[in-house]
């Protein structure tokens, strides 16, 4: 994994830990684990997560993308961001 990939994963992990209702450490997070089923991150927490990502990356994620599989795992968020499906 290159430096840019690591940086993006770090941004996503920090956003997930900020959005989580319960304390989750970044080191506990795995790219393939489901955010809801594994870490208890619900739809309200996903909205907080998206706001954190928008602020940190200076992007805008369309609301119709909030309830999709784009935000089911850290890996899916990473792929979504790489695909550039958001608004700049």
N, C-alpha and C. Protein backbone atom coordinates (compact mmCIF):
# COMPACT_ATOMS: atom_id res chain seq x y z
N UNK A 1 0.85 -1.17 0.00
CA UNK A 1 0.00 0.00 0.00
C UNK A 1 0.90 1.24 0.00
N UNK A 2 0.59 2.20 -0.87
CA UNK A 2 1.43 3.39 -0.94
C UNK A 2 1.03 4.41 0.12
N UNK A 3 1.82 5.47 0.21
CA UNK A 3 1.62 6.48 1.24
C UNK A 3 0.26 7.17 1.13
N UNK A 4 -0.18 7.47 -0.09
CA UNK A 4 -1.49 8.11 -0.28
C UNK A 4 -2.62 7.20 0.18
N UNK A 5 -2.50 5.90 -0.11
CA UNK A 5 -3.51 4.94 0.32
C UNK A 5 -3.58 4.87 1.84
N UNK A 6 -2.42 4.82 2.47
CA UNK A 6 -2.36 4.78 3.93
C UNK A 6 -2.99 6.03 4.53
N UNK A 7 -2.71 7.18 3.92
CA UNK A 7 -3.26 8.44 4.42
C UNK A 7 -4.78 8.44 4.31
N UNK A 8 -5.31 7.98 3.18
CA UNK A 8 -6.76 7.92 3.00
C UNK A 8 -7.40 6.94 3.99
N UNK A 9 -6.79 5.77 4.16
CA UNK A 9 -7.30 4.82 5.15
C UNK A 9 -7.29 5.44 6.55
N UNK A 10 -6.25 6.20 6.86
CA UNK A 10 -6.16 6.87 8.16
C UNK A 10 -7.28 7.88 8.36
N UNK A 11 -7.57 8.64 7.33
CA UNK A 11 -8.67 9.62 7.39
C UNK A 11 -9.99 8.90 7.62
N UNK A 12 -10.21 7.81 6.91
CA UNK A 12 -11.45 7.04 7.07
C UNK A 12 -11.54 6.46 8.47
N UNK A 13 -10.46 5.86 8.95
CA UNK A 13 -10.47 5.27 10.31
C UNK A 13 -10.76 6.33 11.37
N UNK A 14 -10.14 7.49 11.25
CA UNK A 14 -10.40 8.57 12.22
C UNK A 14 -11.86 9.01 12.17
N UNK A 15 -12.41 9.12 10.97
CA UNK A 15 -13.82 9.51 10.83
C UNK A 15 -14.74 8.47 11.45
N UNK A 16 -14.42 7.19 11.26
CA UNK A 16 -15.23 6.12 11.84
C UNK A 16 -15.18 6.17 13.36
N UNK A 17 -14.00 6.37 13.94
CA UNK A 17 -13.90 6.41 15.40
C UNK A 17 -14.62 7.62 15.97
N UNK A 18 -14.62 8.75 15.26
CA UNK A 18 -15.36 9.93 15.71
C UNK A 18 -16.86 9.70 15.63
N UNK A 19 -17.30 8.98 14.62
CA UNK A 19 -18.73 8.77 14.40
C UNK A 19 -19.32 7.69 15.31
N UNK A 20 -18.50 6.79 15.78
CA UNK A 20 -18.98 5.66 16.58
C UNK A 20 -19.58 6.14 17.90
N UNK A 21 -20.72 5.57 18.27
CA UNK A 21 -21.37 5.93 19.53
C UNK A 21 -20.62 5.36 20.72
N UNK A 22 -19.95 4.25 20.52
CA UNK A 22 -19.14 3.63 21.58
C UNK A 22 -17.67 3.77 21.20
N UNK A 23 -16.82 3.68 22.20
CA UNK A 23 -15.40 3.83 21.95
C UNK A 23 -14.82 2.70 21.11
N UNK A 24 -14.29 3.06 19.97
CA UNK A 24 -13.61 2.11 19.09
C UNK A 24 -12.24 2.72 18.80
N UNK A 25 -11.21 1.93 18.95
CA UNK A 25 -9.88 2.45 18.62
C UNK A 25 -9.59 2.17 17.15
N UNK A 26 -8.78 3.03 16.55
CA UNK A 26 -8.44 2.86 15.14
C UNK A 26 -7.79 1.51 14.88
N UNK A 27 -7.03 1.02 15.85
CA UNK A 27 -6.33 -0.25 15.67
C UNK A 27 -7.29 -1.44 15.63
N UNK A 28 -8.51 -1.27 16.16
CA UNK A 28 -9.52 -2.35 16.14
C UNK A 28 -10.23 -2.46 14.79
N UNK A 29 -10.15 -1.44 13.98
CA UNK A 29 -10.90 -1.39 12.73
C UNK A 29 -10.23 -2.21 11.64
N UNK A 30 -11.03 -2.96 10.91
CA UNK A 30 -10.56 -3.77 9.79
C UNK A 30 -11.32 -3.36 8.53
N UNK A 31 -10.64 -3.30 7.38
CA UNK A 31 -11.29 -2.82 6.15
C UNK A 31 -12.48 -3.64 5.68
N UNK A 32 -12.51 -4.93 6.02
CA UNK A 32 -13.57 -5.80 5.50
C UNK A 32 -14.71 -6.06 6.49
N UNK A 33 -14.63 -5.51 7.68
CA UNK A 33 -15.67 -5.75 8.68
C UNK A 33 -16.81 -4.75 8.52
N UNK A 34 -18.03 -5.24 8.63
CA UNK A 34 -19.22 -4.41 8.45
C UNK A 34 -19.32 -3.40 9.59
N UNK A 35 -19.53 -2.13 9.24
CA UNK A 35 -19.56 -1.08 10.26
C UNK A 35 -20.74 -1.24 11.22
N UNK A 36 -21.89 -1.67 10.73
CA UNK A 36 -23.04 -1.84 11.61
C UNK A 36 -22.94 -3.13 12.41
N UNK A 37 -22.77 -4.24 11.73
CA UNK A 37 -22.81 -5.54 12.41
C UNK A 37 -21.60 -5.79 13.31
N UNK A 38 -20.46 -5.26 12.95
CA UNK A 38 -19.26 -5.49 13.75
C UNK A 38 -19.04 -4.39 14.79
N UNK A 39 -19.26 -3.15 14.39
CA UNK A 39 -18.92 -2.03 15.27
C UNK A 39 -20.13 -1.25 15.78
N UNK A 40 -21.33 -1.62 15.35
CA UNK A 40 -22.55 -0.98 15.84
C UNK A 40 -22.78 0.43 15.32
N UNK A 41 -22.20 0.76 14.18
CA UNK A 41 -22.36 2.09 13.62
C UNK A 41 -23.67 2.12 12.83
N UNK A 42 -24.65 2.88 13.37
CA UNK A 42 -25.98 2.92 12.78
C UNK A 42 -26.10 4.06 11.76
N UNK A 43 -27.32 4.27 11.26
CA UNK A 43 -27.53 5.26 10.21
C UNK A 43 -27.21 6.69 10.68
N UNK A 44 -27.48 7.00 11.92
CA UNK A 44 -27.13 8.33 12.45
C UNK A 44 -25.62 8.50 12.50
N UNK A 45 -24.93 7.45 12.91
CA UNK A 45 -23.47 7.50 12.97
C UNK A 45 -22.87 7.60 11.57
N UNK A 46 -23.51 6.96 10.59
CA UNK A 46 -23.04 7.06 9.21
C UNK A 46 -23.12 8.50 8.73
N UNK A 47 -24.18 9.21 9.12
CA UNK A 47 -24.29 10.62 8.74
C UNK A 47 -23.16 11.44 9.35
N UNK A 48 -22.82 11.17 10.60
CA UNK A 48 -21.70 11.86 11.25
C UNK A 48 -20.40 11.50 10.52
N UNK A 49 -20.24 10.24 10.19
CA UNK A 49 -19.06 9.77 9.46
C UNK A 49 -18.93 10.51 8.12
N UNK A 50 -20.02 10.63 7.40
CA UNK A 50 -20.00 11.31 6.11
C UNK A 50 -19.64 12.78 6.28
N UNK A 51 -20.19 13.43 7.29
CA UNK A 51 -19.85 14.83 7.55
C UNK A 51 -18.37 14.99 7.87
N UNK A 52 -17.82 14.06 8.63
CA UNK A 52 -16.38 14.10 8.95
C UNK A 52 -15.54 13.95 7.68
N UNK A 53 -15.93 13.02 6.82
CA UNK A 53 -15.20 12.82 5.56
C UNK A 53 -15.30 14.05 4.67
N UNK A 54 -16.50 14.62 4.59
CA UNK A 54 -16.68 15.82 3.77
C UNK A 54 -15.79 16.96 4.25
N UNK A 55 -15.75 17.13 5.56
CA UNK A 55 -14.95 18.20 6.14
C UNK A 55 -13.45 17.95 5.92
N UNK A 56 -13.00 16.76 6.20
CA UNK A 56 -11.58 16.42 6.11
C UNK A 56 -11.07 16.44 4.67
N UNK A 57 -11.88 15.93 3.75
CA UNK A 57 -11.45 15.80 2.35
C UNK A 57 -11.92 16.94 1.46
N UNK A 58 -12.73 17.84 2.04
CA UNK A 58 -13.28 18.98 1.30
C UNK A 58 -14.04 18.52 0.05
N UNK A 59 -14.99 17.62 0.29
CA UNK A 59 -15.84 17.07 -0.76
C UNK A 59 -17.28 17.16 -0.31
N UNK A 60 -18.20 16.84 -1.20
CA UNK A 60 -19.62 16.75 -0.85
C UNK A 60 -20.15 15.42 -1.37
N UNK A 61 -20.68 14.63 -0.46
CA UNK A 61 -21.22 13.32 -0.81
C UNK A 61 -22.74 13.47 -0.99
N UNK A 62 -23.27 13.12 -2.15
CA UNK A 62 -24.71 13.26 -2.40
C UNK A 62 -25.53 12.44 -1.40
N UNK A 63 -26.64 13.02 -0.94
CA UNK A 63 -27.48 12.35 0.04
C UNK A 63 -28.00 11.00 -0.44
N UNK A 64 -28.21 10.85 -1.74
CA UNK A 64 -28.72 9.56 -2.22
C UNK A 64 -27.66 8.46 -2.14
N UNK A 65 -26.45 8.79 -1.75
CA UNK A 65 -25.41 7.78 -1.55
C UNK A 65 -25.31 7.34 -0.08
N UNK A 66 -26.00 8.03 0.82
CA UNK A 66 -25.89 7.74 2.25
C UNK A 66 -26.33 6.32 2.61
N UNK A 67 -27.40 5.84 2.03
CA UNK A 67 -27.98 4.55 2.42
C UNK A 67 -27.60 3.42 1.46
N UNK A 68 -26.42 3.46 0.94
CA UNK A 68 -25.99 2.44 0.00
C UNK A 68 -24.87 1.61 0.60
N UNK A 69 -24.42 0.66 -0.16
CA UNK A 69 -23.30 -0.17 0.28
C UNK A 69 -21.97 0.56 0.25
N UNK A 70 -21.96 1.80 -0.24
CA UNK A 70 -20.71 2.56 -0.25
C UNK A 70 -20.14 2.73 1.16
N UNK A 71 -21.01 2.73 2.16
CA UNK A 71 -20.58 3.01 3.53
C UNK A 71 -20.81 1.83 4.46
N UNK A 72 -20.66 0.62 3.95
CA UNK A 72 -20.88 -0.56 4.78
C UNK A 72 -19.60 -1.04 5.47
N UNK A 73 -18.45 -0.81 4.86
CA UNK A 73 -17.16 -1.20 5.45
C UNK A 73 -16.15 -0.08 5.18
N UNK A 74 -15.04 -0.12 5.87
CA UNK A 74 -13.98 0.85 5.60
C UNK A 74 -13.46 0.65 4.19
N UNK A 75 -13.35 -0.58 3.76
CA UNK A 75 -12.90 -0.88 2.41
C UNK A 75 -13.84 -0.33 1.35
N UNK A 76 -15.15 -0.42 1.59
CA UNK A 76 -16.11 0.11 0.62
C UNK A 76 -16.07 1.63 0.58
N UNK A 77 -15.83 2.27 1.71
CA UNK A 77 -15.68 3.73 1.74
C UNK A 77 -14.44 4.13 0.95
N UNK A 78 -13.36 3.40 1.17
CA UNK A 78 -12.11 3.67 0.46
C UNK A 78 -12.32 3.57 -1.06
N UNK A 79 -12.97 2.50 -1.49
CA UNK A 79 -13.24 2.30 -2.92
C UNK A 79 -14.13 3.42 -3.46
N UNK A 80 -15.16 3.77 -2.71
CA UNK A 80 -16.06 4.87 -3.11
C UNK A 80 -15.27 6.15 -3.33
N UNK A 81 -14.40 6.48 -2.39
CA UNK A 81 -13.62 7.71 -2.50
C UNK A 81 -12.66 7.66 -3.68
N UNK A 82 -12.05 6.51 -3.92
CA UNK A 82 -11.15 6.38 -5.06
C UNK A 82 -11.89 6.51 -6.39
N UNK A 83 -13.12 6.02 -6.43
CA UNK A 83 -13.92 6.09 -7.65
C UNK A 83 -14.37 7.52 -7.95
N UNK A 84 -14.32 8.39 -6.95
CA UNK A 84 -14.68 9.79 -7.15
C UNK A 84 -16.15 10.03 -7.43
N UNK A 85 -17.03 9.28 -6.78
CA UNK A 85 -18.47 9.42 -7.01
C UNK A 85 -19.09 10.61 -6.27
N UNK A 86 -18.30 11.31 -5.52
CA UNK A 86 -18.75 12.46 -4.74
C UNK A 86 -18.61 13.74 -5.58
N UNK A 87 -19.09 14.84 -5.02
CA UNK A 87 -18.97 16.16 -5.67
C UNK A 87 -17.83 16.93 -5.02
N UNK A 88 -17.06 17.61 -5.83
CA UNK A 88 -15.95 18.40 -5.29
C UNK A 88 -16.39 19.81 -4.99
